[in-house]
PDB file of N, CA and C in Angstrom:
ATOM      1  N   UNK A   1      -5.609  -8.044  33.739  1.00  0.00           N
ATOM      2  CA  UNK A   1      -6.865  -8.107  33.415  1.00  0.00           C
ATOM      3  C   UNK A   1      -7.359  -6.919  32.541  1.00  0.00           C
ATOM      4  N   UNK A   2      -8.205  -7.495  31.404  1.00  0.00           N
ATOM      5  CA  UNK A   2      -8.530  -6.637  30.655  1.00  0.00           C
ATOM      6  C   UNK A   2      -9.568  -5.363  31.084  1.00  0.00           C
ATOM      7  N   UNK A   3      -9.513  -4.068  30.806  1.00  0.00           N
ATOM      8  CA  UNK A   3     -10.311  -3.361  30.953  1.00  0.00           C
ATOM      9  C   UNK A   3     -11.935  -3.278  30.846  1.00  0.00           C
ATOM     10  N   UNK A   4     -12.942  -3.580  31.684  1.00  0.00           N
ATOM     11  CA  UNK A   4     -14.231  -3.652  31.397  1.00  0.00           C
ATOM     12  C   UNK A   4     -14.878  -2.784  30.422  1.00  0.00           C
ATOM     13  N   UNK A   5     -15.221  -3.455  29.560  1.00  0.00           N
ATOM     14  CA  UNK A   5     -16.131  -2.602  28.311  1.00  0.00           C
ATOM     15  C   UNK A   5     -17.480  -2.190  28.580  1.00  0.00           C
ATOM     16  N   UNK A   6     -18.521  -2.952  29.367  1.00  0.00           N
ATOM     17  CA  UNK A   6     -19.413  -2.535  29.837  1.00  0.00           C
ATOM     18  C   UNK A   6     -19.981  -3.010  31.326  1.00  0.00           C
ATOM     19  N   UNK A   7     -20.975  -2.737  31.853  1.00  0.00           N
ATOM     20  CA  UNK A   7     -21.520  -3.124  33.052  1.00  0.00           C
ATOM     21  C   UNK A   7     -22.094  -4.342  33.107  1.00  0.00           C
ATOM     22  N   UNK A   8     -21.995  -5.189  34.288  1.00  0.00           N
ATOM     23  CA  UNK A   8     -22.705  -6.516  34.115  1.00  0.00           C
ATOM     24  C   UNK A   8     -24.401  -6.356  34.251  1.00  0.00           C
ATOM     25  N   UNK A   9     -24.647  -7.416  33.840  1.00  0.00           N
ATOM     26  CA  UNK A   9     -26.706  -7.185  33.967  1.00  0.00           C
ATOM     27  C   UNK A   9     -27.000  -7.031  35.581  1.00  0.00           C
ATOM     28  N   UNK A  10     -26.114  -7.199  36.376  1.00  0.00           N
ATOM     29  CA  UNK A  10     -26.466  -7.132  37.751  1.00  0.00           C
ATOM     30  C   UNK A  10     -26.674  -5.485  38.110  1.00  0.00           C
ATOM     31  N   UNK A  11     -24.976  -4.840  37.658  1.00  0.00           N
ATOM     32  CA  UNK A  11     -24.833  -3.311  37.602  1.00  0.00           C
ATOM     33  C   UNK A  11     -25.909  -2.666  36.851  1.00  0.00           C
ATOM     34  N   UNK A  12     -26.432  -2.942  35.618  1.00  0.00           N
ATOM     35  CA  UNK A  12     -27.288  -2.666  35.053  1.00  0.00           C
ATOM     36  C   UNK A  12     -28.742  -2.726  35.398  1.00  0.00           C
ATOM     37  N   UNK A  13     -29.034  -3.684  36.514  1.00  0.00           N
ATOM     38  CA  UNK A  13     -30.208  -3.633  37.035  1.00  0.00           C
ATOM     39  C   UNK A  13     -30.238  -2.684  38.193  1.00  0.00           C
ATOM     40  N   UNK A  14     -29.090  -2.527  38.759  1.00  0.00           N
ATOM     41  CA  UNK A  14     -29.037  -1.577  39.734  1.00  0.00           C
ATOM     42  C   UNK A  14     -29.429  -0.147  39.200  1.00  0.00           C
ATOM     43  N   UNK A  15     -28.796   0.304  38.017  1.00  0.00           N
ATOM     44  CA  UNK A  15     -28.977   1.426  37.315  1.00  0.00           C
ATOM     45  C   UNK A  15     -30.330   1.507  36.644  1.00  0.00           C
ATOM     46  N   UNK A  16     -31.091   0.598  36.596  1.00  0.00           N
ATOM     47  CA  UNK A  16     -32.477   0.576  36.075  1.00  0.00           C
ATOM     48  C   UNK A  16     -33.118   1.047  37.124  1.00  0.00           C
ATOM     49  N   UNK A  17     -33.026   0.437  38.335  1.00  0.00           N
ATOM     50  CA  UNK A  17     -34.061   0.568  39.424  1.00  0.00           C
ATOM     51  C   UNK A  17     -33.736   2.157  39.897  1.00  0.00           C
ATOM     52  N   UNK A  18     -32.563   2.744  39.764  1.00  0.00           N
ATOM     53  CA  UNK A  18     -32.083   4.196  40.216  1.00  0.00           C
ATOM     54  C   UNK A  18     -32.970   5.152  39.340  1.00  0.00           C
ATOM     55  N   UNK A  19     -32.668   4.715  38.186  1.00  0.00           N
ATOM     56  CA  UNK A  19     -33.340   5.304  36.874  1.00  0.00           C
ATOM     57  C   UNK A  19     -35.241   5.391  36.879  1.00  0.00           C
ATOM     58  N   UNK A  20     -35.465   4.406  37.261  1.00  0.00           N
ATOM     59  CA  UNK A  20     -37.154   3.945  37.353  1.00  0.00           C
ATOM     60  C   UNK A  20     -37.873   5.007  38.196  1.00  0.00           C
ATOM     61  N   UNK A  21     -37.075   4.976  39.570  1.00  0.00           N
ATOM     62  CA  UNK A  21     -37.308   5.971  40.737  1.00  0.00           C
ATOM     63  C   UNK A  21     -37.432   7.286  40.220  1.00  0.00           C
ATOM     64  N   UNK A  22     -36.490   7.689  39.735  1.00  0.00           N
ATOM     65  CA  UNK A  22     -36.035   9.169  38.918  1.00  0.00           C
ATOM     66  C   UNK A  22     -37.170   9.403  38.143  1.00  0.00           C
ATOM     67  N   UNK A  23     -37.535   8.455  37.226  1.00  0.00           N
ATOM     68  CA  UNK A  23     -38.491   8.486  36.088  1.00  0.00           C
ATOM     69  C   UNK A  23     -39.833   8.878  36.786  1.00  0.00           C
ATOM     70  N   UNK A  24     -40.103   8.236  37.837  1.00  0.00           N
ATOM     71  CA  UNK A  24     -41.699   7.939  38.510  1.00  0.00           C
ATOM     72  C   UNK A  24     -41.755   9.343  39.113  1.00  0.00           C
ATOM     73  N   UNK A  25     -40.826   9.722  39.645  1.00  0.00           N
ATOM     74  CA  UNK A  25     -40.930  11.140  40.474  1.00  0.00           C
ATOM     75  C   UNK A  25     -40.802  12.199  39.515  1.00  0.00           C
ATOM     76  N   UNK A  26     -40.306  12.126  38.279  1.00  0.00           N
ATOM     77  CA  UNK A  26     -39.873  13.194  37.189  1.00  0.00           C
ATOM     78  C   UNK A  26     -41.119  13.126  36.568  1.00  0.00           C
ATOM     79  N   UNK A  27     -42.007  12.080  36.490  1.00  0.00           N
ATOM     80  CA  UNK A  27     -43.106  12.310  35.844  1.00  0.00           C
ATOM     81  C   UNK A  27     -44.480  12.803  36.746  1.00  0.00           C
ATOM     82  N   UNK A  28     -44.221  12.710  38.009  1.00  0.00           N
ATOM     83  CA  UNK A  28     -45.203  13.094  38.874  1.00  0.00           C
ATOM     84  C   UNK A  28     -45.177  14.654  39.017  1.00  0.00           C
ATOM     85  N   UNK A  29     -43.724  15.275  39.119  1.00  0.00           N
ATOM     86  CA  UNK A  29     -43.329  16.722  39.175  1.00  0.00           C
ATOM     87  C   UNK A  29     -44.088  17.177  37.804  1.00  0.00           C
ATOM     88  N   UNK A  30     -43.802  16.498  36.656  1.00  0.00           N
ATOM     89  CA  UNK A  30     -44.348  16.908  35.441  1.00  0.00           C
ATOM     90  C   UNK A  30     -45.720  17.465  35.254  1.00  0.00           C
ATOM     91  N   UNK A  31     -46.639  16.315  36.023  1.00  0.00           N
ATOM     92  CA  UNK A  31     -47.941  16.457  35.843  1.00  0.00           C
ATOM     93  C   UNK A  31     -48.413  17.583  37.021  1.00  0.00           C
ATOM     94  N   UNK A  32     -47.677  17.676  37.912  1.00  0.00           N
ATOM     95  CA  UNK A  32     -47.995  18.791  38.987  1.00  0.00           C
ATOM     96  C   UNK A  32     -47.755  20.224  38.256  1.00  0.00           C
ATOM     97  N   UNK A  33     -46.675  20.314  37.867  1.00  0.00           N
ATOM     98  CA  UNK A  33     -46.612  21.576  36.672  1.00  0.00           C
ATOM     99  C   UNK A  33     -47.714  21.742  35.504  1.00  0.00           C
ATOM    100  N   UNK A  34     -47.802  20.680  34.956  1.00  0.00           N
ATOM    101  CA  UNK A  34     -48.721  20.823  33.750  1.00  0.00           C
ATOM    102  C   UNK A  34     -50.068  21.202  34.547  1.00  0.00           C
ATOM    103  N   UNK A  35     -50.470  20.760  35.439  1.00  0.00           N
ATOM    104  CA  UNK A  35     -51.880  21.044  36.298  1.00  0.00           C
ATOM    105  C   UNK A  35     -51.688  22.603  36.646  1.00  0.00           C
ATOM    106  N   UNK A  36     -50.486  23.021  37.210  1.00  0.00           N
ATOM    107  CA  UNK A  36     -50.417  24.488  37.663  1.00  0.00           C
ATOM    108  C   UNK A  36     -50.529  25.401  36.438  1.00  0.00           C
ATOM    109  N   UNK A  37     -50.257  24.824  35.153  1.00  0.00           N
ATOM    110  CA  UNK A  37     -50.430  25.757  33.962  1.00  0.00           C
ATOM    111  C   UNK A  37     -51.938  25.946  33.644  1.00  0.00           C
ATOM    112  N   UNK A  38     -52.396  24.592  33.368  1.00  0.00           N
ATOM    113  CA  UNK A  38     -53.868  24.531  33.019  1.00  0.00           C
ATOM    114  C   UNK A  38     -54.957  24.807  34.417  1.00  0.00           C
ATOM    115  N   UNK A  39     -54.538  24.966  35.380  1.00  0.00           N
ATOM    116  CA  UNK A  39     -55.711  24.659  36.471  1.00  0.00           C
ATOM    117  C   UNK A  39     -56.202  26.429  36.717  1.00  0.00           C
ATOM    118  N   UNK A  40     -57.565  26.386  36.517  1.00  0.00           N
ATOM    119  CA  UNK A  40     -58.084  27.712  36.594  1.00  0.00           C
ATOM    120  C   UNK A  40     -59.018  28.061  37.732  1.00  0.00           C
ATOM    121  N   UNK A  41     -59.201  27.150  38.388  1.00  0.00           N
ATOM    122  CA  UNK A  41     -60.199  27.269  39.656  1.00  0.00           C
ATOM    123  C   UNK A  41     -59.531  27.539  40.967  1.00  0.00           C
ATOM    124  N   UNK A  42     -58.266  27.841  40.631  1.00  0.00           N
ATOM    125  CA  UNK A  42     -57.740  28.378  42.059  1.00  0.00           C
ATOM    126  C   UNK A  42     -57.907  29.971  42.297  1.00  0.00           C
ATOM    127  N   UNK A  43     -57.396  30.468  43.500  1.00  0.00           N
ATOM    128  CA  UNK A  43     -57.927  31.858  43.756  1.00  0.00           C
ATOM    129  C   UNK A  43     -57.152  32.727  42.713  1.00  0.00           C
ATOM    130  N   UNK A  44     -58.310  33.293  41.646  1.00  0.00           N
ATOM    131  CA  UNK A  44     -57.557  33.855  40.749  1.00  0.00           C
ATOM    132  C   UNK A  44     -58.175  35.285  40.733  1.00  0.00           C
ATOM    133  N   UNK A  45     -57.946  36.033  39.862  1.00  0.00           N
ATOM    134  CA  UNK A  45     -58.364  37.353  40.165  1.00  0.00           C
ATOM    135  C   UNK A  45     -59.819  37.477  40.059  1.00  0.00           C
ATOM    136  N   UNK A  46     -60.642  36.797  39.794  1.00  0.00           N
ATOM    137  CA  UNK A  46     -62.087  36.980  40.258  1.00  0.00           C
ATOM    138  C   UNK A  46     -62.665  37.228  41.424  1.00  0.00           C
ATOM    139  N   UNK A  47     -61.779  36.581  42.610  1.00  0.00           N
ATOM    140  CA  UNK A  47     -62.034  37.368  43.821  1.00  0.00           C
ATOM    141  C   UNK A  47     -61.270  38.370  44.282  1.00  0.00           C
ATOM    142  N   UNK A  48     -60.612  39.104  43.663  1.00  0.00           N
ATOM    143  CA  UNK A  48     -59.778  40.393  43.836  1.00  0.00           C
ATOM    144  C   UNK A  48     -60.754  41.593  43.557  1.00  0.00           C
ATOM    145  N   UNK A  49     -60.390  42.509  44.372  1.00  0.00           N
ATOM    146  CA  UNK A  49     -60.666  44.058  44.176  1.00  0.00           C
ATOM    147  C   UNK A  49     -59.962  44.571  42.479  1.00  0.00           C
ATOM    148  N   UNK A  50     -60.915  45.211  41.790  1.00  0.00           N
ATOM    149  CA  UNK A  50     -60.045  45.788  40.504  1.00  0.00           C
ATOM    150  C   UNK A  50     -58.783  46.386  40.782  1.00  0.00           C
ATOM    151  N   UNK A  51     -58.535  46.995  41.699  1.00  0.00           N
ATOM    152  CA  UNK A  51     -57.316  47.985  42.137  1.00  0.00           C
ATOM    153  C   UNK A  51     -56.215  46.707  41.879  1.00  0.00           C
ATOM    154  N   UNK A  52     -56.361  45.769  42.314  1.00  0.00           N
ATOM    155  CA  UNK A  52     -55.069  44.594  42.445  1.00  0.00           C
ATOM    156  C   UNK A  52     -55.302  43.537  41.161  1.00  0.00           C
ATOM    157  N   UNK A  53     -56.381  43.763  40.622  1.00  0.00           N
ATOM    158  CA  UNK A  53     -56.515  42.881  39.297  1.00  0.00           C
ATOM    159  C   UNK A  53     -55.738  42.756  38.650  1.00  0.00           C
ATOM    160  N   UNK A  54     -55.065  43.872  37.927  1.00  0.00           N
ATOM    161  CA  UNK A  54     -53.875  43.867  36.707  1.00  0.00           C
ATOM    162  C   UNK A  54     -52.862  43.433  37.291  1.00  0.00           C
ATOM    163  N   UNK A  55     -52.338  43.395  38.968  1.00  0.00           N
ATOM    164  CA  UNK A  55     -51.045  43.160  39.388  1.00  0.00           C
ATOM    165  C   UNK A  55     -51.155  41.467  39.277  1.00  0.00           C
ATOM    166  N   UNK A  56     -52.603  41.061  39.956  1.00  0.00           N
ATOM    167  CA  UNK A  56     -52.378  39.659  40.165  1.00  0.00           C
ATOM    168  C   UNK A  56     -52.702  38.927  38.725  1.00  0.00           C
ATOM    169  N   UNK A  57     -53.136  39.231  37.763  1.00  0.00           N
ATOM    170  CA  UNK A  57     -53.111  38.699  36.490  1.00  0.00           C
ATOM    171  C   UNK A  57     -51.614  38.648  35.889  1.00  0.00           C
ATOM    172  N   UNK A  58     -50.817  39.563  35.865  1.00  0.00           N
ATOM    173  CA  UNK A  58     -49.727  39.775  35.524  1.00  0.00           C
ATOM    174  C   UNK A  58     -48.633  38.636  36.310  1.00  0.00           C
ATOM    175  N   UNK A  59     -48.827  38.673  37.616  1.00  0.00           N
ATOM    176  CA  UNK A  59     -48.152  37.554  38.520  1.00  0.00           C
ATOM    177  C   UNK A  59     -48.780  36.050  37.919  1.00  0.00           C
ATOM    178  N   UNK A  60     -49.938  36.103  37.500  1.00  0.00           N
ATOM    179  CA  UNK A  60     -50.554  34.526  37.256  1.00  0.00           C
ATOM    180  C   UNK A  60     -49.893  34.256  35.830  1.00  0.00           C
ATOM    181  N   UNK A  61     -49.813  35.109  34.899  1.00  0.00           N
ATOM    182  CA  UNK A  61     -49.319  35.153  33.471  1.00  0.00           C
ATOM    183  C   UNK A  61     -47.800  34.589  33.662  1.00  0.00           C
ATOM    184  N   UNK A  62     -46.661  35.307  34.567  1.00  0.00           N
ATOM    185  CA  UNK A  62     -45.552  35.007  34.940  1.00  0.00           C
ATOM    186  C   UNK A  62     -45.309  33.612  35.597  1.00  0.00           C
ATOM    187  N   UNK A  63     -46.295  33.387  36.433  1.00  0.00           N
ATOM    188  CA  UNK A  63     -46.288  32.084  37.127  1.00  0.00           C
ATOM    189  C   UNK A  63     -46.397  31.174  36.249  1.00  0.00           C
ATOM    190  N   UNK A  64     -47.312  31.153  35.255  1.00  0.00           N
ATOM    191  CA  UNK A  64     -47.775  30.218  34.218  1.00  0.00           C
ATOM    192  C   UNK A  64     -46.451  29.941  33.348  1.00  0.00           C
ATOM    193  N   UNK A  65     -45.925  31.111  33.008  1.00  0.00           N
ATOM    194  CA  UNK A  65     -44.561  30.916  32.116  1.00  0.00           C
ATOM    195  C   UNK A  65     -43.567  30.225  32.594  1.00  0.00           C
ATOM    196  N   UNK A  66     -43.199  30.695  34.032  1.00  0.00           N
ATOM    197  CA  UNK A  66     -42.186  29.807  34.790  1.00  0.00           C
ATOM    198  C   UNK A  66     -42.670  28.211  34.807  1.00  0.00           C
ATOM    199  N   UNK A  67     -43.816  28.391  34.983  1.00  0.00           N
ATOM    200  CA  UNK A  67     -44.412  26.772  34.987  1.00  0.00           C
ATOM    201  C   UNK A  67     -43.965  25.970  34.062  1.00  0.00           C
ATOM    202  N   UNK A  68     -44.487  26.711  33.088  1.00  0.00           N
ATOM    203  CA  UNK A  68     -44.356  26.057  31.404  1.00  0.00           C
ATOM    204  C   UNK A  68     -42.996  25.910  30.997  1.00  0.00           C
ATOM    205  N   UNK A  69     -41.953  26.781  31.411  1.00  0.00           N
ATOM    206  CA  UNK A  69     -40.361  26.377  31.354  1.00  0.00           C
ATOM    207  C   UNK A  69     -39.986  25.277  32.045  1.00  0.00           C
ATOM    208  N   UNK A  70     -40.673  25.460  33.423  1.00  0.00           N
ATOM    209  CA  UNK A  70     -40.239  24.218  33.994  1.00  0.00           C
ATOM    210  C   UNK A  70     -40.756  22.792  33.725  1.00  0.00           C
ATOM    211  N   UNK A  71     -41.680  22.834  33.120  1.00  0.00           N
ATOM    212  CA  UNK A  71     -42.617  21.778  32.623  1.00  0.00           C
ATOM    213  C   UNK A  71     -41.625  21.050  31.239  1.00  0.00           C
ATOM    214  N   UNK A  72     -40.995  21.981  30.404  1.00  0.00           N
ATOM    215  CA  UNK A  72     -40.498  21.816  29.370  1.00  0.00           C
ATOM    216  C   UNK A  72     -39.102  20.954  29.672  1.00  0.00           C
ATOM    217  N   UNK A  73     -38.727  21.662  30.898  1.00  0.00           N
ATOM    218  CA  UNK A  73     -37.052  20.987  31.354  1.00  0.00           C
ATOM    219  C   UNK A  73     -37.400  19.651  31.845  1.00  0.00           C
ATOM    220  N   UNK A  74     -38.546  19.535  32.495  1.00  0.00           N
ATOM    221  CA  UNK A  74     -38.992  18.248  33.167  1.00  0.00           C
ATOM    222  C   UNK A  74     -39.232  17.148  31.830  1.00  0.00           C
ATOM    223  N   UNK A  75     -39.777  17.674  31.189  1.00  0.00           N
ATOM    224  CA  UNK A  75     -40.426  16.722  30.015  1.00  0.00           C
ATOM    225  C   UNK A  75     -38.628  16.333  29.172  1.00  0.00           C
ATOM    226  N   UNK A  76     -38.021  17.259  29.104  1.00  0.00           N
ATOM    227  CA  UNK A  76     -36.634  16.772  28.608  1.00  0.00           C
ATOM    228  C   UNK A  76     -35.927  15.749  29.359  1.00  0.00           C
ATOM    229  N   UNK A  77     -36.008  15.853  30.540  1.00  0.00           N
ATOM    230  CA  UNK A  77     -35.454  15.157  31.666  1.00  0.00           C
ATOM    231  C   UNK A  77     -35.659  13.601  31.336  1.00  0.00           C
ATOM    232  N   UNK A  78     -37.244  13.622  31.444  1.00  0.00           N
ATOM    233  CA  UNK A  78     -37.886  12.448  31.210  1.00  0.00           C
ATOM    234  C   UNK A  78     -37.479  11.593  30.142  1.00  0.00           C
ATOM    235  N   UNK A  79     -37.144  12.304  29.008  1.00  0.00           N
ATOM    236  CA  UNK A  79     -36.636  11.853  27.721  1.00  0.00           C
ATOM    237  C   UNK A  79     -35.233  11.193  28.006  1.00  0.00           C
ATOM    238  N   UNK A  80     -34.573  12.063  28.658  1.00  0.00           N
ATOM    239  CA  UNK A  80     -33.130  11.609  28.830  1.00  0.00           C
ATOM    240  C   UNK A  80     -33.353  10.320  29.763  1.00  0.00           C
ATOM    241  N   UNK A  81     -33.956  10.211  30.572  1.00  0.00           N
ATOM    242  CA  UNK A  81     -34.162   9.259  31.495  1.00  0.00           C
ATOM    243  C   UNK A  81     -34.730   8.124  30.634  1.00  0.00           C
ATOM    244  N   UNK A  82     -35.610   7.992  29.990  1.00  0.00           N
ATOM    245  CA  UNK A  82     -36.174   7.140  28.820  1.00  0.00           C
ATOM    246  C   UNK A  82     -35.286   6.532  28.113  1.00  0.00           C
ATOM    247  N   UNK A  83     -34.553   7.448  27.414  1.00  0.00           N
ATOM    248  CA  UNK A  83     -33.231   7.243  26.488  1.00  0.00           C
ATOM    249  C   UNK A  83     -32.001   6.379  27.405  1.00  0.00           C
ATOM    250  N   UNK A  84     -31.820   6.435  28.518  1.00  0.00           N
ATOM    251  CA  UNK A  84     -31.075   5.545  29.323  1.00  0.00           C
ATOM    252  C   UNK A  84     -31.828   4.205  29.455  1.00  0.00           C
ATOM    253  N   UNK A  85     -32.946   4.211  29.745  1.00  0.00           N
ATOM    254  CA  UNK A  85     -33.535   2.650  30.218  1.00  0.00           C
ATOM    255  C   UNK A  85     -33.068   2.058  28.717  1.00  0.00           C
ATOM    256  N   UNK A  86     -33.630   2.679  27.358  1.00  0.00           N
ATOM    257  CA  UNK A  86     -33.162   1.851  26.376  1.00  0.00           C
ATOM    258  C   UNK A  86     -31.772   1.424  26.160  1.00  0.00           C
ATOM    259  N   UNK A  87     -31.153   2.342  26.589  1.00  0.00           N
ATOM    260  CA  UNK A  87     -29.481   2.041  26.544  1.00  0.00           C
ATOM    261  C   UNK A  87     -29.069   0.865  27.524  1.00  0.00           C
ATOM    262  N   UNK A  88     -30.028   0.942  28.954  1.00  0.00           N
ATOM    263  CA  UNK A  88     -29.734  -0.459  29.315  1.00  0.00           C
ATOM    264  C   UNK A  88     -30.559  -1.701  28.869  1.00  0.00           C
ATOM    265  N   UNK A  89     -31.561  -1.354  28.238  1.00  0.00           N
ATOM    266  CA  UNK A  89     -32.004  -2.554  27.503  1.00  0.00           C
ATOM    267  C   UNK A  89     -30.737  -3.060  26.354  1.00  0.00           C
ATOM    268  N   UNK A  90     -30.180  -2.358  25.784  1.00  0.00           N
ATOM    269  CA  UNK A  90     -29.205  -2.311  24.713  1.00  0.00           C
ATOM    270  C   UNK A  90     -27.788  -2.854  25.189  1.00  0.00           C
ATOM    271  N   UNK A  91     -27.830  -3.007  26.366  1.00  0.00           N
ATOM    272  CA  UNK A  91     -26.502  -2.993  27.125  1.00  0.00           C
ATOM    273  C   UNK A  91     -25.248  -2.246  26.804  1.00  0.00           C
ATOM    274  N   UNK A  92     -25.813  -0.801  26.215  1.00  0.00           N
ATOM    275  CA  UNK A  92     -24.993   0.225  26.188  1.00  0.00           C
ATOM    276  C   UNK A  92     -24.727   1.007  27.125  1.00  0.00           C
ATOM    277  N   UNK A  93     -25.445   1.059  28.143  1.00  0.00           N
ATOM    278  CA  UNK A  93     -25.548   1.885  29.312  1.00  0.00           C
ATOM    279  C   UNK A  93     -24.460   2.377  29.884  1.00  0.00           C
ATOM    280  N   UNK A  94     -23.903   3.584  30.366  1.00  0.00           N
ATOM    281  CA  UNK A  94     -22.864   3.525  31.142  1.00  0.00           C
ATOM    282  C   UNK A  94     -21.559   3.862  30.323  1.00  0.00           C
ATOM    283  N   UNK A  95     -21.500   3.937  28.797  1.00  0.00           N
ATOM    284  CA  UNK A  95     -20.317   3.721  27.964  1.00  0.00           C
ATOM    285  C   UNK A  95     -20.316   5.430  27.665  1.00  0.00           C
ATOM    286  N   UNK A  96     -19.184   6.076  27.784  1.00  0.00           N
ATOM    287  CA  UNK A  96     -19.033   7.619  27.343  1.00  0.00           C
ATOM    288  C   UNK A  96     -19.190   7.338  25.441  1.00  0.00           C
ATOM    289  N   UNK A  97     -20.069   8.068  25.444  1.00  0.00           N
ATOM    290  CA  UNK A  97     -20.191   8.385  23.661  1.00  0.00           C
ATOM    291  C   UNK A  97     -18.937   9.068  22.943  1.00  0.00           C
ATOM    292  N   UNK A  98     -17.928   9.645  23.939  1.00  0.00           N
ATOM    293  CA  UNK A  98     -16.619  10.045  23.305  1.00  0.00           C
ATOM    294  C   UNK A  98     -15.669   9.335  23.483  1.00  0.00           C
ATOM    295  N   UNK A  99     -15.399   8.730  24.249  1.00  0.00           N
ATOM    296  CA  UNK A  99     -14.187   7.853  24.368  1.00  0.00           C
ATOM    297  C   UNK A  99     -14.440   6.412  24.261  1.00  0.00           C
ATOM    298  N   UNK A 100     -15.809   5.829  24.389  1.00  0.00           N
ATOM    299  CA  UNK A 100     -16.238   4.712  24.258  1.00  0.00           C
ATOM    300  C   UNK A 100     -15.751   3.900  25.888  1.00  0.00           C
ATOM    301  N   UNK A 101     -15.374   4.730  26.721  1.00  0.00           N
ATOM    302  CA  UNK A 101     -15.104   3.777  27.991  1.00  0.00           C
ATOM    303  C   UNK A 101     -15.934   3.892  29.097  1.00  0.00           C
ATOM    304  N   UNK A 102     -15.966   3.378  30.155  1.00  0.00           N
ATOM    305  CA  UNK A 102     -17.057   3.405  30.952  1.00  0.00           C
ATOM    306  C   UNK A 102     -17.257   4.571  31.940  1.00  0.00           C
ATOM    307  N   UNK A 103     -18.234   5.157  31.751  1.00  0.00           N
ATOM    308  CA  UNK A 103     -18.649   6.431  32.768  1.00  0.00           C
ATOM    309  C   UNK A 103     -18.688   5.779  34.258  1.00  0.00           C
ATOM    310  N   UNK A 104     -17.829   6.410  35.277  1.00  0.00           N
ATOM    311  CA  UNK A 104     -17.650   6.040  36.530  1.00  0.00           C
ATOM    312  C   UNK A 104     -19.186   5.497  37.327  1.00  0.00           C
ATOM    313  N   UNK A 105     -19.190   4.645  37.881  1.00  0.00           N
ATOM    314  CA  UNK A 105     -20.315   4.320  38.834  1.00  0.00           C
ATOM    315  C   UNK A 105     -21.007   5.611  39.500  1.00  0.00           C
ATOM    316  N   UNK A 106     -19.796   6.237  40.115  1.00  0.00           N
ATOM    317  CA  UNK A 106     -20.539   7.410  40.915  1.00  0.00           C
ATOM    318  C   UNK A 106     -21.041   8.286  40.247  1.00  0.00           C
ATOM    319  N   UNK A 107     -20.701   8.739  38.891  1.00  0.00           N
ATOM    320  CA  UNK A 107     -21.182   9.799  38.156  1.00  0.00           C
ATOM    321  C   UNK A 107     -22.735   9.267  37.806  1.00  0.00           C
ATOM    322  N   UNK A 108     -22.496   8.270  37.334  1.00  0.00           N
ATOM    323  CA  UNK A 108     -23.912   7.424  36.947  1.00  0.00           C
ATOM    324  C   UNK A 108     -24.980   7.415  37.771  1.00  0.00           C
ATOM    325  N   UNK A 109     -24.564   7.205  39.133  1.00  0.00           N
ATOM    326  CA  UNK A 109     -25.753   7.613  40.582  1.00  0.00           C
ATOM    327  C   UNK A 109     -26.205   8.622  40.564  1.00  0.00           C
ATOM    328  N   UNK A 110     -25.289   9.630  40.240  1.00  0.00           N
ATOM    329  CA  UNK A 110     -25.545  11.194  40.345  1.00  0.00           C
ATOM    330  C   UNK A 110     -26.415  11.888  39.264  1.00  0.00           C
ATOM    331  N   UNK A 111     -25.787  11.431  38.186  1.00  0.00           N
ATOM    332  CA  UNK A 111     -26.798  12.000  36.891  1.00  0.00           C
ATOM    333  C   UNK A 111     -26.795  10.443  35.917  1.00  0.00           C
ATOM    334  N   UNK A 112     -27.942   9.739  36.357  1.00  0.00           N
ATOM    335  CA  UNK A 112     -28.390   8.492  35.543  1.00  0.00           C
ATOM    336  C   UNK A 112     -28.202   8.628  34.198  1.00  0.00           C
ATOM    337  N   UNK A 113     -28.619   9.728  33.865  1.00  0.00           N
ATOM    338  CA  UNK A 113     -28.663   9.768  32.585  1.00  0.00           C
ATOM    339  C   UNK A 113     -27.458  10.156  31.482  1.00  0.00           C
ATOM    340  N   UNK A 114     -26.164  10.238  32.113  1.00  0.00           N
ATOM    341  CA  UNK A 114     -25.224  10.776  31.534  1.00  0.00           C
ATOM    342  C   UNK A 114     -24.454   9.965  30.499  1.00  0.00           C
ATOM    343  N   UNK A 115     -24.260  10.624  29.384  1.00  0.00           N
ATOM    344  CA  UNK A 115     -23.704  10.022  28.261  1.00  0.00           C
ATOM    345  C   UNK A 115     -22.019  10.217  28.055  1.00  0.00           C
ATOM    346  N   UNK A 116     -21.699  11.117  28.743  1.00  0.00           N
ATOM    347  CA  UNK A 116     -20.318  11.469  28.874  1.00  0.00           C
ATOM    348  C   UNK A 116     -19.682  11.456  30.088  1.00  0.00           C
ATOM    349  N   UNK A 117     -18.403  11.143  30.127  1.00  0.00           N
ATOM    350  CA  UNK A 117     -17.735  11.125  31.532  1.00  0.00           C
ATOM    351  C   UNK A 117     -17.651  12.412  31.705  1.00  0.00           C
ATOM    352  N   UNK A 118     -17.011  12.569  33.239  1.00  0.00           N
ATOM    353  CA  UNK A 118     -16.730  13.947  33.675  1.00  0.00           C
ATOM    354  C   UNK A 118     -15.399  14.677  32.830  1.00  0.00           C
ATOM    355  N   UNK A 119     -14.556  13.838  32.567  1.00  0.00           N
ATOM    356  CA  UNK A 119     -13.491  14.681  31.762  1.00  0.00           C
ATOM    357  C   UNK A 119     -14.108  15.177  30.551  1.00  0.00           C
ATOM    358  N   UNK A 120     -14.867  14.521  29.599  1.00  0.00           N
ATOM    359  CA  UNK A 120     -15.154  15.002  28.594  1.00  0.00           C
ATOM    360  C   UNK A 120     -16.171  16.279  28.519  1.00  0.00           C
ATOM    361  N   UNK A 121     -17.381  15.815  29.565  1.00  0.00           N
ATOM    362  CA  UNK A 121     -18.311  16.988  30.150  1.00  0.00           C
ATOM    363  C   UNK A 121     -17.355  18.432  30.452  1.00  0.00           C
ATOM    364  N   UNK A 122     -16.186  18.236  31.037  1.00  0.00           N
ATOM    365  CA  UNK A 122     -15.784  19.331  31.747  1.00  0.00           C
ATOM    366  C   UNK A 122     -14.801  20.011  30.159  1.00  0.00           C
ATOM    367  N   UNK A 123     -14.200  19.352  29.552  1.00  0.00           N
ATOM    368  CA  UNK A 123     -13.582  19.847  28.023  1.00  0.00           C
ATOM    369  C   UNK A 123     -14.283  20.389  27.307  1.00  0.00           C
ATOM    370  N   UNK A 124     -15.959  20.080  27.294  1.00  0.00           N
ATOM    371  CA  UNK A 124     -16.918  20.961  26.603  1.00  0.00           C
ATOM    372  C   UNK A 124     -16.999  22.128  26.719  1.00  0.00           C
ATOM    373  N   UNK A 125     -16.650  22.704  27.856  1.00  0.00           N
ATOM    374  CA  UNK A 125     -16.742  23.983  28.247  1.00  0.00           C
ATOM    375  C   UNK A 125     -16.109  25.123  27.563  1.00  0.00           C
TER     376      UNK A 125
END
């Protein structure tokens, strides 16, 4: 029997559902992070005594920086998932971009936006 060169439409539909679910969750997380960065009506330094005000402001800045970094990572993750959806539509999803062989289903279920097989990924290190 010849080696499979792409996943069937039914298999692609399964992966599409996994990615859709992850995409929905990722977008919700991104919105939460975005609101944490822009939200200024929470308990801020306005209701704190002057001695702690400097410490509070520093912590708030650090927290916003961390939230900003997390938001950037989340946005990148969303872009990777959206690219995976395009590959599903093009029926090229699950094909390793280095070897041209199918990426195992187990890997795609764990990392649905993967474009490299485990072997290739490990050899990149």
